[in-house]
């Protein structure tokens, strides 16, 4: 069961985009997902122009996986390919989340992420009303409520320092993921739920919504 999730929202410089796509598929996701405690890795791309055009999600058995010796060894000893690609990261937002609530059990090909701050006042509304109702909307596969683990979201590692020089090391205190069977189903369900307005009404700030399509995924079957 995925009790934890790491999300990484990034942009990439134009000159490195083609190699970035290959690196993620051929090396980076397999390098992570084969570690103990990792359950899956999925990569997404925004269908239109938006900040943080690329998204990666890694599911794990718990947040302690992201503090494990095996994972930290890879963060502190990046491969030659990673050393070549990571300086091209821009606008990086990387967060290790506790998965606080889940409604539904299926992956969707189109997803929306909402990250926000100061969300404690919104938690009951999301958990008891908004997200369970959204999970029942036509075409919606799953909704999840996420709360950041600040310590694991701000690691002092070689990769973090490398990103900090060019791409930043921001993180998000709270997150929501909504998965649907396609963009044509996801968009009207989100519009009807109007989560952003509900969050603002309950004191949340720094709200950023992104919509993405699945590119590929990998599961740990070890």
Protein backbone atom coordinates (compact mmCIF):
# COMPACT_ATOMS: atom_id res chain seq x y z
CA UNK A 1 0.00 0.00 0.00
CA UNK A 2 1.28 3.47 -0.90
CA UNK A 3 1.40 5.39 2.36
CA UNK A 4 3.85 7.92 0.94
CA UNK A 5 4.40 9.69 -2.33
CA UNK A 6 7.18 11.87 -3.68
CA UNK A 7 6.18 14.42 -6.32
CA UNK A 8 8.63 16.38 -8.45
CA UNK A 9 7.37 19.21 -10.65
CA UNK A 10 10.04 20.61 -12.99
CA UNK A 11 10.81 22.49 -16.16
CA UNK A 12 13.80 21.72 -18.36
CA UNK A 13 15.89 23.90 -20.66
CA UNK A 14 15.03 23.57 -24.35
CA UNK A 15 18.46 22.32 -25.35
CA UNK A 16 18.27 19.37 -22.94
CA UNK A 17 14.62 18.37 -23.34
CA UNK A 18 15.13 15.49 -25.75
CA UNK A 19 17.90 13.92 -23.66
CA UNK A 20 15.90 14.58 -20.47
CA UNK A 21 13.03 12.50 -21.83
CA UNK A 22 15.36 9.60 -22.62
CA UNK A 23 17.19 9.84 -19.28
CA UNK A 24 13.95 9.68 -17.30
CA UNK A 25 12.73 6.62 -19.16
CA UNK A 26 15.95 4.64 -19.50
CA UNK A 27 17.76 5.43 -16.26
CA UNK A 28 16.19 7.66 -13.65
CA UNK A 29 12.85 5.99 -12.92
CA UNK A 30 14.32 2.44 -12.99
CA UNK A 31 17.15 3.60 -10.71
CA UNK A 32 14.62 4.79 -8.12
CA UNK A 33 11.80 2.29 -8.40
CA UNK A 34 14.00 -0.78 -7.96
CA UNK A 35 15.00 0.37 -4.45
CA UNK A 36 13.46 -1.30 -1.36
CA UNK A 37 10.21 0.33 -0.28
CA UNK A 38 9.44 1.94 -3.63
CA UNK A 39 6.21 0.72 -5.21
CA UNK A 40 5.99 2.59 -8.51
CA UNK A 41 7.18 5.54 -10.54
CA UNK A 42 5.18 7.46 -13.11
CA UNK A 43 6.05 10.38 -15.32
CA UNK A 44 3.65 12.93 -16.78
CA UNK A 45 3.76 15.85 -19.21
CA UNK A 46 1.43 18.85 -19.35
CA UNK A 47 -0.56 18.94 -22.60
CA UNK A 48 -0.25 22.72 -22.96
CA UNK A 49 1.93 25.59 -21.88
CA UNK A 50 2.18 25.91 -18.10
CA UNK A 51 4.85 26.28 -15.45
CA UNK A 52 6.22 22.93 -14.24
CA UNK A 53 5.51 21.18 -17.51
CA UNK A 54 6.91 17.87 -16.28
CA UNK A 55 5.80 15.82 -13.27
CA UNK A 56 7.10 12.63 -11.69
CA UNK A 57 5.32 10.68 -8.94
CA UNK A 58 6.95 7.93 -6.88
CA UNK A 59 4.85 5.81 -4.53
CA UNK A 60 6.41 4.16 -1.47
CA UNK A 61 5.40 2.14 1.56
CA UNK A 62 6.19 5.08 3.90
CA UNK A 63 8.10 8.35 4.16
CA UNK A 64 11.00 6.51 5.83
CA UNK A 65 11.84 5.04 2.42
CA UNK A 66 13.01 8.49 1.32
CA UNK A 67 15.42 8.60 4.29
CA UNK A 68 16.77 5.10 3.69
CA UNK A 69 20.45 4.46 3.24
CA UNK A 70 19.86 2.94 -0.21
CA UNK A 71 17.95 5.97 -1.49
CA UNK A 72 20.31 8.54 0.04
CA UNK A 73 23.26 6.68 -1.49
CA UNK A 74 21.82 7.35 -4.94
CA UNK A 75 21.01 10.97 -4.13
CA UNK A 76 24.59 11.53 -3.02
CA UNK A 77 26.20 9.61 -5.87
CA UNK A 78 24.44 10.71 -9.05
CA UNK A 79 25.31 8.93 -12.27
CA UNK A 80 27.23 10.62 -15.05
CA UNK A 81 23.97 11.01 -16.97
CA UNK A 82 22.24 12.60 -14.00
CA UNK A 83 25.17 14.98 -13.56
CA UNK A 84 24.72 16.04 -17.17
CA UNK A 85 20.92 16.47 -17.04
CA UNK A 86 20.16 17.94 -13.62
CA UNK A 87 21.85 21.34 -14.19
CA UNK A 88 19.17 21.88 -16.86
CA UNK A 89 16.34 21.62 -14.30
CA UNK A 90 14.36 24.80 -13.69
CA UNK A 91 11.52 25.76 -11.30
CA UNK A 92 11.86 22.55 -9.31
CA UNK A 93 9.27 21.74 -6.64
CA UNK A 94 10.03 18.43 -4.90
CA UNK A 95 7.97 17.18 -1.96
CA UNK A 96 7.78 13.95 0.02
CA UNK A 97 4.17 13.52 1.15
CA UNK A 98 2.31 11.37 3.62
CA UNK A 99 -0.77 10.01 1.82
CA UNK A 100 -3.40 11.03 4.37
CA UNK A 101 -6.55 9.92 2.54
CA UNK A 102 -7.32 7.99 -0.66
CA UNK A 103 -10.64 7.51 -2.46
CA UNK A 104 -10.57 5.02 -5.33
CA UNK A 105 -7.94 2.49 -6.33
CA UNK A 106 -7.29 2.95 -10.05
CA UNK A 107 -4.67 4.92 -11.93
CA UNK A 108 -5.88 7.46 -14.47
CA UNK A 109 -4.28 8.53 -17.72
CA UNK A 110 -4.98 12.20 -17.02
CA UNK A 111 -4.34 13.82 -13.63
CA UNK A 112 -4.52 17.14 -11.89
CA UNK A 113 -2.28 18.19 -9.03
CA UNK A 114 -3.04 21.02 -6.64
CA UNK A 115 -0.35 22.13 -4.23
CA UNK A 116 -0.97 24.75 -1.59
CA UNK A 117 0.07 26.14 1.76
CA UNK A 118 -1.60 26.86 5.11
CA UNK A 119 -4.10 24.11 4.46
CA UNK A 120 -4.89 22.81 7.94
CA UNK A 121 -8.25 24.60 8.00
CA UNK A 122 -9.15 22.98 4.68
CA UNK A 123 -8.33 19.43 5.70
CA UNK A 124 -11.71 18.43 7.18
CA UNK A 125 -13.60 19.91 4.22
CA UNK A 126 -11.40 18.06 1.74
CA UNK A 127 -11.43 14.77 3.63
CA UNK A 128 -15.10 14.71 4.57
CA UNK A 129 -16.79 16.46 1.66
CA UNK A 130 -14.91 17.68 -1.39
CA UNK A 131 -12.59 14.82 -2.30
CA UNK A 132 -14.95 11.90 -1.55
CA UNK A 133 -17.61 13.61 -3.69
CA UNK A 134 -15.13 14.30 -6.49
CA UNK A 135 -14.05 10.64 -6.49
CA UNK A 136 -17.65 9.72 -7.37
CA UNK A 137 -17.80 12.05 -10.38
CA UNK A 138 -18.07 10.47 -13.82
CA UNK A 139 -14.67 9.44 -15.20
CA UNK A 140 -12.72 10.05 -11.97
CA UNK A 141 -10.58 7.08 -10.91
CA UNK A 142 -8.99 8.26 -7.68
CA UNK A 143 -8.45 11.29 -5.44
CA UNK A 144 -5.77 11.67 -2.75
CA UNK A 145 -5.02 14.16 0.01
CA UNK A 146 -1.33 14.65 0.79
CA UNK A 147 0.56 16.30 3.65
CA UNK A 148 4.25 17.08 3.31
CA UNK A 149 7.01 15.67 5.44
CA UNK A 150 9.18 18.79 5.70
CA UNK A 151 12.36 17.01 6.75
CA UNK A 152 12.32 14.57 3.84
CA UNK A 153 11.29 17.32 1.41
CA UNK A 154 14.43 19.35 2.16
CA UNK A 155 17.32 16.84 2.08
CA UNK A 156 20.92 17.99 2.12
CA UNK A 157 22.17 15.78 -0.71
CA UNK A 158 24.38 16.10 -3.76
CA UNK A 159 21.39 16.14 -6.08
CA UNK A 160 19.59 18.77 -3.98
CA UNK A 161 22.63 21.03 -4.04
CA UNK A 162 22.97 20.55 -7.78
CA UNK A 163 19.33 21.52 -8.34
CA UNK A 164 19.66 24.47 -5.99
CA UNK A 165 22.30 26.06 -8.18
CA UNK A 166 19.98 26.37 -11.19
CA UNK A 167 16.55 24.82 -10.67
CA UNK A 168 15.60 25.61 -7.10
CA UNK A 169 14.51 23.39 -4.22
CA UNK A 170 10.98 24.52 -3.40
CA UNK A 171 8.45 22.25 -1.69
CA UNK A 172 4.71 22.30 -0.98
CA UNK A 173 3.10 21.82 2.46
CA UNK A 174 -0.08 20.20 1.11
CA UNK A 175 -1.17 18.48 -2.08
CA UNK A 176 -4.15 16.98 -3.87
CA UNK A 177 -4.03 14.51 -6.76
CA UNK A 178 -7.09 13.78 -8.91
CA UNK A 179 -6.88 11.06 -11.56
CA UNK A 180 -9.32 10.56 -14.42
CA UNK A 181 -9.73 8.35 -17.46
CA UNK A 182 -9.05 11.30 -19.78
CA UNK A 183 -8.79 15.07 -19.92
CA UNK A 184 -12.35 15.34 -21.27
CA UNK A 185 -13.58 13.74 -18.03
CA UNK A 186 -11.15 15.40 -15.66
CA UNK A 187 -11.79 18.99 -16.71
CA UNK A 188 -15.57 19.16 -16.07
CA UNK A 189 -15.28 17.26 -12.78
CA UNK A 190 -12.67 19.71 -11.52
CA UNK A 191 -14.70 22.69 -12.70
CA UNK A 192 -17.77 21.44 -10.84
CA UNK A 193 -15.77 20.77 -7.65
CA UNK A 194 -14.04 24.17 -7.79
CA UNK A 195 -11.40 23.09 -5.28
CA UNK A 196 -9.37 26.27 -5.63
CA UNK A 197 -12.27 28.45 -4.49
CA UNK A 198 -12.97 26.11 -1.60
CA UNK A 199 -9.34 26.15 -0.53
CA UNK A 200 -9.13 29.95 -0.65
CA UNK A 201 -12.32 30.23 1.38
CA UNK A 202 -10.69 28.10 4.08
CA UNK A 203 -7.45 30.04 4.32
CA UNK A 204 -5.20 28.18 1.89
CA UNK A 205 -2.69 30.16 -0.14
CA UNK A 206 0.00 29.67 -2.77
CA UNK A 207 -2.41 27.48 -4.74
CA UNK A 208 -0.93 26.03 -7.94
CA UNK A 209 -2.93 23.68 -10.18
CA UNK A 210 -1.41 21.63 -12.99
CA UNK A 211 -2.92 19.14 -15.44
CA UNK A 212 -0.92 16.31 -16.93
CA UNK A 213 -1.10 13.26 -19.18
CA UNK A 214 0.63 9.99 -18.35
CA UNK A 215 3.81 9.30 -20.34
CA UNK A 216 4.97 6.03 -18.76
CA UNK A 217 5.04 4.09 -15.52
CA UNK A 218 7.01 1.35 -13.82
CA UNK A 219 6.26 -0.87 -10.81
CA UNK A 220 8.67 -2.47 -8.39
CA UNK A 221 8.14 -6.20 -8.77
CA UNK A 222 11.23 -7.29 -6.87
